[in-house]
Amino acid sequence: MARKYQPGIVLIDAGYGNNTSFLLELEKRQLKYLGGWAKNRKVTINISENIQQTIRLDELAQSLPQEAFRRIKLTLDKPRTVWVVTREVEISNLKGKRNIAIVMNAETFSQATDIDYFITNVSTSIVTPEWIVNTYSQRNWVEVFYREATRGG
């Protein structure tokens, strides 16, 4: 940042995404991020205009109807299909709203064997289920390249 470089987005795994102090530091530097999040994190959602509910992410995922999730086909080296829902939420210790996403490998919570949770401070006008999975899939390429580079090929 001292050299005036500013990434378009910082992609972080849940080890960093679950660290609220770290997220606040990114925001203080006016950086946009998309990161993994633990299933036991609590969010506050609007149930109606005057009613809010604080709920764990995994409980929120389980409570959503099947129709809430959008089917997304990822065209990676190994194409796969995921089901994604996004929501604007409030999080304790973070002022304002953030967007979260729940990404499953099946169309229902009970059928899913792999469920990922994400948080971002990117504007709701940009955050879509497609944007979440396509943007975060770029993080995996960094890890693939790192593994190949450190193995010597």
C-alpha atoms as a PDB file:
ATOM      1  CA  MET A   1       0.000   0.000   0.000  1.00  0.00           C
ATOM      2  CA  ALA A   2       2.965   2.297   0.642  1.00  0.00           C
ATOM      3  CA  ARG A   3       3.841   1.784  -3.049  1.00  0.00           C
ATOM      4  CA  LYS A   4       0.304   2.824  -4.023  1.00  0.00           C
ATOM      5  CA  TYR A   5      -0.764  -0.686  -5.024  1.00  0.00           C
ATOM      6  CA  GLN A   6      -4.296  -1.572  -4.076  1.00  0.00           C
ATOM      7  CA  PRO A   7      -5.731  -5.002  -4.870  1.00  0.00           C
ATOM      8  CA  GLY A   8      -9.175  -5.181  -6.404  1.00  0.00           C
ATOM      9  CA  ILE A   9     -10.168  -7.643  -3.692  1.00  0.00           C
ATOM     10  CA  VAL A  10      -8.462  -9.544  -0.891  1.00  0.00           C
ATOM     11  CA  LEU A  11      -9.404 -13.251  -0.898  1.00  0.00           C
ATOM     12  CA  ILE A  12      -8.994 -14.885   2.511  1.00  0.00           C
ATOM     13  CA  ASP A  13      -9.701 -18.254   4.043  1.00  0.00           C
ATOM     14  CA  ALA A  14     -11.741 -18.753   7.209  1.00  0.00           C
ATOM     15  CA  GLY A  15      -8.630 -18.557   9.371  1.00  0.00           C
ATOM     16  CA  TYR A  16      -8.474 -14.856   8.539  1.00  0.00           C
ATOM     17  CA  GLY A  17     -12.159 -14.297   7.773  1.00  0.00           C
ATOM     18  CA  ASN A  18     -13.123 -15.265  11.319  1.00  0.00           C
ATOM     19  CA  ASN A  19     -10.782 -12.634  12.751  1.00  0.00           C
ATOM     20  CA  THR A  20     -12.937  -9.529  13.212  1.00  0.00           C
ATOM     21  CA  SER A  21      -9.917  -7.382  14.087  1.00  0.00           C
ATOM     22  CA  PHE A  22      -8.300  -8.363  10.791  1.00  0.00           C
ATOM     23  CA  LEU A  23     -11.464  -7.506   8.843  1.00  0.00           C
ATOM     24  CA  LEU A  24     -11.605  -4.124  10.562  1.00  0.00           C
ATOM     25  CA  GLU A  25      -7.983  -3.458   9.574  1.00  0.00           C
ATOM     26  CA  LEU A  26      -8.758  -4.297   5.945  1.00  0.00           C
ATOM     27  CA  GLU A  27     -11.727  -1.932   6.036  1.00  0.00           C
ATOM     28  CA  LYS A  28      -9.662   0.802   7.708  1.00  0.00           C
ATOM     29  CA  ARG A  29      -7.363   0.578   4.682  1.00  0.00           C
ATOM     30  CA  GLN A  30     -10.421   0.764   2.394  1.00  0.00           C
ATOM     31  CA  LEU A  31      -9.784  -2.729   1.045  1.00  0.00           C
ATOM     32  CA  LYS A  32     -12.568  -4.951  -0.248  1.00  0.00           C
ATOM     33  CA  TYR A  33     -12.490  -8.583   0.849  1.00  0.00           C
ATOM     34  CA  LEU A  34     -14.197 -11.920   0.374  1.00  0.00           C
ATOM     35  CA  GLY A  35     -13.417 -14.517   2.998  1.00  0.00           C
ATOM     36  CA  GLY A  36     -14.439 -17.830   4.424  1.00  0.00           C
ATOM     37  CA  TRP A  37     -16.338 -17.857   7.676  1.00  0.00           C
ATOM     38  CA  ALA A  38     -17.110 -20.424  10.380  1.00  0.00           C
ATOM     39  CA  LYS A  39     -20.548 -22.015  10.511  1.00  0.00           C
ATOM     40  CA  ASN A  40     -20.994 -21.030  14.163  1.00  0.00           C
ATOM     41  CA  ARG A  41     -20.658 -17.283  13.521  1.00  0.00           C
ATOM     42  CA  LYS A  42     -23.777 -15.336  14.393  1.00  0.00           C
ATOM     43  CA  VAL A  43     -25.457 -12.809  12.142  1.00  0.00           C
ATOM     44  CA  THR A  44     -28.466 -10.567  12.570  1.00  0.00           C
ATOM     45  CA  ILE A  45     -30.968 -10.739   9.738  1.00  0.00           C
ATOM     46  CA  ASN A  46     -34.121  -8.770   9.044  1.00  0.00           C
ATOM     47  CA  ILE A  47     -37.161 -11.020   9.301  1.00  0.00           C
ATOM     48  CA  SER A  48     -39.505  -8.160   8.442  1.00  0.00           C
ATOM     49  CA  GLU A  49     -39.375  -4.372   8.498  1.00  0.00           C
ATOM     50  CA  ASN A  50     -39.388  -4.159  12.309  1.00  0.00           C
ATOM     51  CA  ILE A  51     -38.209  -7.618  13.356  1.00  0.00           C
ATOM     52  CA  GLN A  52     -34.624  -8.858  13.466  1.00  0.00           C
ATOM     53  CA  GLN A  53     -33.233 -12.245  14.437  1.00  0.00           C
ATOM     54  CA  THR A  54     -29.731 -13.208  15.517  1.00  0.00           C
ATOM     55  CA  ILE A  55     -28.860 -16.677  14.274  1.00  0.00           C
ATOM     56  CA  ARG A  56     -25.860 -18.927  13.640  1.00  0.00           C
ATOM     57  CA  LEU A  57     -24.892 -19.307   9.980  1.00  0.00           C
ATOM     58  CA  ASP A  58     -25.490 -23.055   9.930  1.00  0.00           C
ATOM     59  CA  GLU A  59     -28.920 -22.576  11.526  1.00  0.00           C
ATOM     60  CA  LEU A  60     -29.725 -19.908   8.946  1.00  0.00           C
ATOM     61  CA  ALA A  61     -28.663 -22.253   6.135  1.00  0.00           C
ATOM     62  CA  GLN A  62     -30.831 -25.032   7.518  1.00  0.00           C
ATOM     63  CA  SER A  63     -33.845 -22.727   7.905  1.00  0.00           C
ATOM     64  CA  LEU A  64     -33.838 -21.397   4.333  1.00  0.00           C
ATOM     65  CA  PRO A  65     -36.210 -22.968   1.816  1.00  0.00           C
ATOM     66  CA  GLN A  66     -34.751 -24.814  -1.156  1.00  0.00           C
ATOM     67  CA  GLU A  67     -36.030 -22.048  -3.462  1.00  0.00           C
ATOM     68  CA  ALA A  68     -33.773 -19.498  -1.732  1.00  0.00           C
ATOM     69  CA  PHE A  69     -30.673 -21.134  -3.235  1.00  0.00           C
ATOM     70  CA  ARG A  70     -29.562 -20.504  -6.801  1.00  0.00           C
ATOM     71  CA  ARG A  71     -27.937 -23.270  -8.812  1.00  0.00           C
ATOM     72  CA  ILE A  72     -24.557 -22.175 -10.201  1.00  0.00           C
ATOM     73  CA  LYS A  73     -22.359 -24.171 -12.596  1.00  0.00           C
ATOM     74  CA  LEU A  74     -18.675 -23.541 -12.041  1.00  0.00           C
ATOM     75  CA  THR A  75     -16.511 -23.998 -15.115  1.00  0.00           C
ATOM     76  CA  LEU A  76     -13.215 -24.855 -13.490  1.00  0.00           C
ATOM     77  CA  ASP A  77     -10.719 -27.601 -14.392  1.00  0.00           C
ATOM     78  CA  LYS A  78     -13.199 -29.944 -12.751  1.00  0.00           C
ATOM     79  CA  PRO A  79     -16.625 -28.397 -13.453  1.00  0.00           C
ATOM     80  CA  ARG A  80     -19.068 -28.628 -10.584  1.00  0.00           C
ATOM     81  CA  THR A  81     -22.467 -27.365  -9.536  1.00  0.00           C
ATOM     82  CA  VAL A  82     -23.156 -25.530  -6.296  1.00  0.00           C
ATOM     83  CA  TRP A  83     -26.220 -23.957  -4.701  1.00  0.00           C
ATOM     84  CA  VAL A  84     -25.763 -20.460  -3.320  1.00  0.00           C
ATOM     85  CA  VAL A  85     -27.736 -17.915  -1.352  1.00  0.00           C
ATOM     86  CA  THR A  86     -26.617 -14.420  -0.374  1.00  0.00           C
ATOM     87  CA  ARG A  87     -27.977 -12.223   2.383  1.00  0.00           C
ATOM     88  CA  GLU A  88     -27.239  -8.770   3.752  1.00  0.00           C
ATOM     89  CA  VAL A  89     -26.669  -9.029   7.500  1.00  0.00           C
ATOM     90  CA  GLU A  90     -25.339  -7.222  10.531  1.00  0.00           C
ATOM     91  CA  ILE A  91     -22.468  -8.630  12.569  1.00  0.00           C
ATOM     92  CA  SER A  92     -21.529  -7.736  16.120  1.00  0.00           C
ATOM     93  CA  ASN A  93     -18.316  -5.689  16.349  1.00  0.00           C
ATOM     94  CA  LEU A  94     -18.693  -4.537  12.725  1.00  0.00           C
ATOM     95  CA  LYS A  95     -20.676  -1.361  12.080  1.00  0.00           C
ATOM     96  CA  GLY A  96     -23.052  -1.423   9.161  1.00  0.00           C
ATOM     97  CA  LYS A  97     -24.120  -4.296   6.972  1.00  0.00           C
ATOM     98  CA  ARG A  98     -22.083  -6.956   5.230  1.00  0.00           C
ATOM     99  CA  ASN A  99     -23.006  -9.585   2.697  1.00  0.00           C
ATOM    100  CA  ILE A 100     -22.745 -13.263   3.481  1.00  0.00           C
ATOM    101  CA  ALA A 101     -23.103 -16.288   1.249  1.00  0.00           C
ATOM    102  CA  ILE A 102     -23.904 -19.913   1.928  1.00  0.00           C
ATOM    103  CA  VAL A 103     -22.533 -22.302  -0.711  1.00  0.00           C
ATOM    104  CA  MET A 104     -23.599 -25.973  -0.732  1.00  0.00           C
ATOM    105  CA  ASN A 105     -22.753 -28.943  -2.946  1.00  0.00           C
ATOM    106  CA  ALA A 106     -26.406 -30.076  -3.018  1.00  0.00           C
ATOM    107  CA  GLU A 107     -29.744 -28.382  -3.486  1.00  0.00           C
ATOM    108  CA  THR A 108     -30.856 -28.903   0.124  1.00  0.00           C
ATOM    109  CA  PHE A 109     -29.083 -28.492   3.440  1.00  0.00           C
ATOM    110  CA  SER A 110     -29.871 -32.082   4.463  1.00  0.00           C
ATOM    111  CA  GLN A 111     -28.339 -33.494   1.264  1.00  0.00           C
ATOM    112  CA  ALA A 112     -25.217 -31.297   1.325  1.00  0.00           C
ATOM    113  CA  THR A 113     -21.920 -32.862   2.350  1.00  0.00           C
ATOM    114  CA  ASP A 114     -19.912 -29.676   1.815  1.00  0.00           C
ATOM    115  CA  ILE A 115     -21.161 -26.280   2.984  1.00  0.00           C
ATOM    116  CA  ASP A 116     -19.066 -23.125   2.893  1.00  0.00           C
ATOM    117  CA  TYR A 117     -19.852 -19.764   4.433  1.00  0.00           C
ATOM    118  CA  PHE A 118     -18.472 -16.434   3.206  1.00  0.00           C
ATOM    119  CA  ILE A 119     -18.407 -12.796   4.243  1.00  0.00           C
ATOM    120  CA  THR A 120     -17.672  -9.724   2.124  1.00  0.00           C
ATOM    121  CA  ASN A 121     -17.769  -5.968   2.448  1.00  0.00           C
ATOM    122  CA  VAL A 122     -18.389  -5.574  -1.288  1.00  0.00           C
ATOM    123  CA  SER A 123     -21.556  -3.668  -2.203  1.00  0.00           C
ATOM    124  CA  THR A 124     -24.854  -5.524  -2.416  1.00  0.00           C
ATOM    125  CA  SER A 125     -25.224  -4.180  -5.969  1.00  0.00           C
ATOM    126  CA  ILE A 126     -22.216  -6.349  -6.977  1.00  0.00           C
ATOM    127  CA  VAL A 127     -22.637  -9.384  -4.742  1.00  0.00           C
ATOM    128  CA  THR A 128     -24.551 -12.169  -6.466  1.00  0.00           C
ATOM    129  CA  PRO A 129     -24.306 -15.930  -6.028  1.00  0.00           C
ATOM    130  CA  GLU A 130     -22.290 -16.089  -9.274  1.00  0.00           C
ATOM    131  CA  TRP A 131     -19.931 -13.323  -8.149  1.00  0.00           C
ATOM    132  CA  ILE A 132     -19.266 -15.071  -4.821  1.00  0.00           C
ATOM    133  CA  VAL A 133     -18.303 -18.454  -6.239  1.00  0.00           C
ATOM    134  CA  ASN A 134     -16.455 -17.157  -9.293  1.00  0.00           C
ATOM    135  CA  THR A 135     -14.462 -14.620  -7.285  1.00  0.00           C
ATOM    136  CA  TYR A 136     -13.587 -16.987  -4.456  1.00  0.00           C
ATOM    137  CA  SER A 137     -12.570 -19.739  -6.874  1.00  0.00           C
ATOM    138  CA  GLN A 138      -9.671 -17.468  -7.902  1.00  0.00           C
ATOM    139  CA  ARG A 139      -8.222 -17.931  -4.403  1.00  0.00           C
ATOM    140  CA  ASN A 140      -7.811 -21.624  -5.087  1.00  0.00           C
ATOM    141  CA  TRP A 141      -5.595 -20.861  -8.085  1.00  0.00           C
ATOM    142  CA  VAL A 142      -3.225 -18.933  -5.835  1.00  0.00           C
ATOM    143  CA  GLU A 143      -2.930 -22.000  -3.613  1.00  0.00           C
ATOM    144  CA  VAL A 144      -2.431 -24.327  -6.591  1.00  0.00           C
ATOM    145  CA  PHE A 145       0.340 -22.113  -7.978  1.00  0.00           C
ATOM    146  CA  TYR A 146       1.952 -21.837  -4.553  1.00  0.00           C
ATOM    147  CA  ARG A 147       1.984 -25.610  -4.083  1.00  0.00           C
ATOM    148  CA  GLU A 148       3.457 -26.115  -7.557  1.00  0.00           C
ATOM    149  CA  ALA A 149       6.072 -23.388  -7.090  1.00  0.00           C
ATOM    150  CA  THR A 150       7.220 -24.652  -3.707  1.00  0.00           C
ATOM    151  CA  ARG A 151       7.412 -28.247  -4.957  1.00  0.00           C
ATOM    152  CA  GLY A 152       9.599 -27.171  -7.834  1.00  0.00           C
ATOM    153  CA  GLY A 153       7.185 -27.720 -10.652  1.00  0.00           C
END
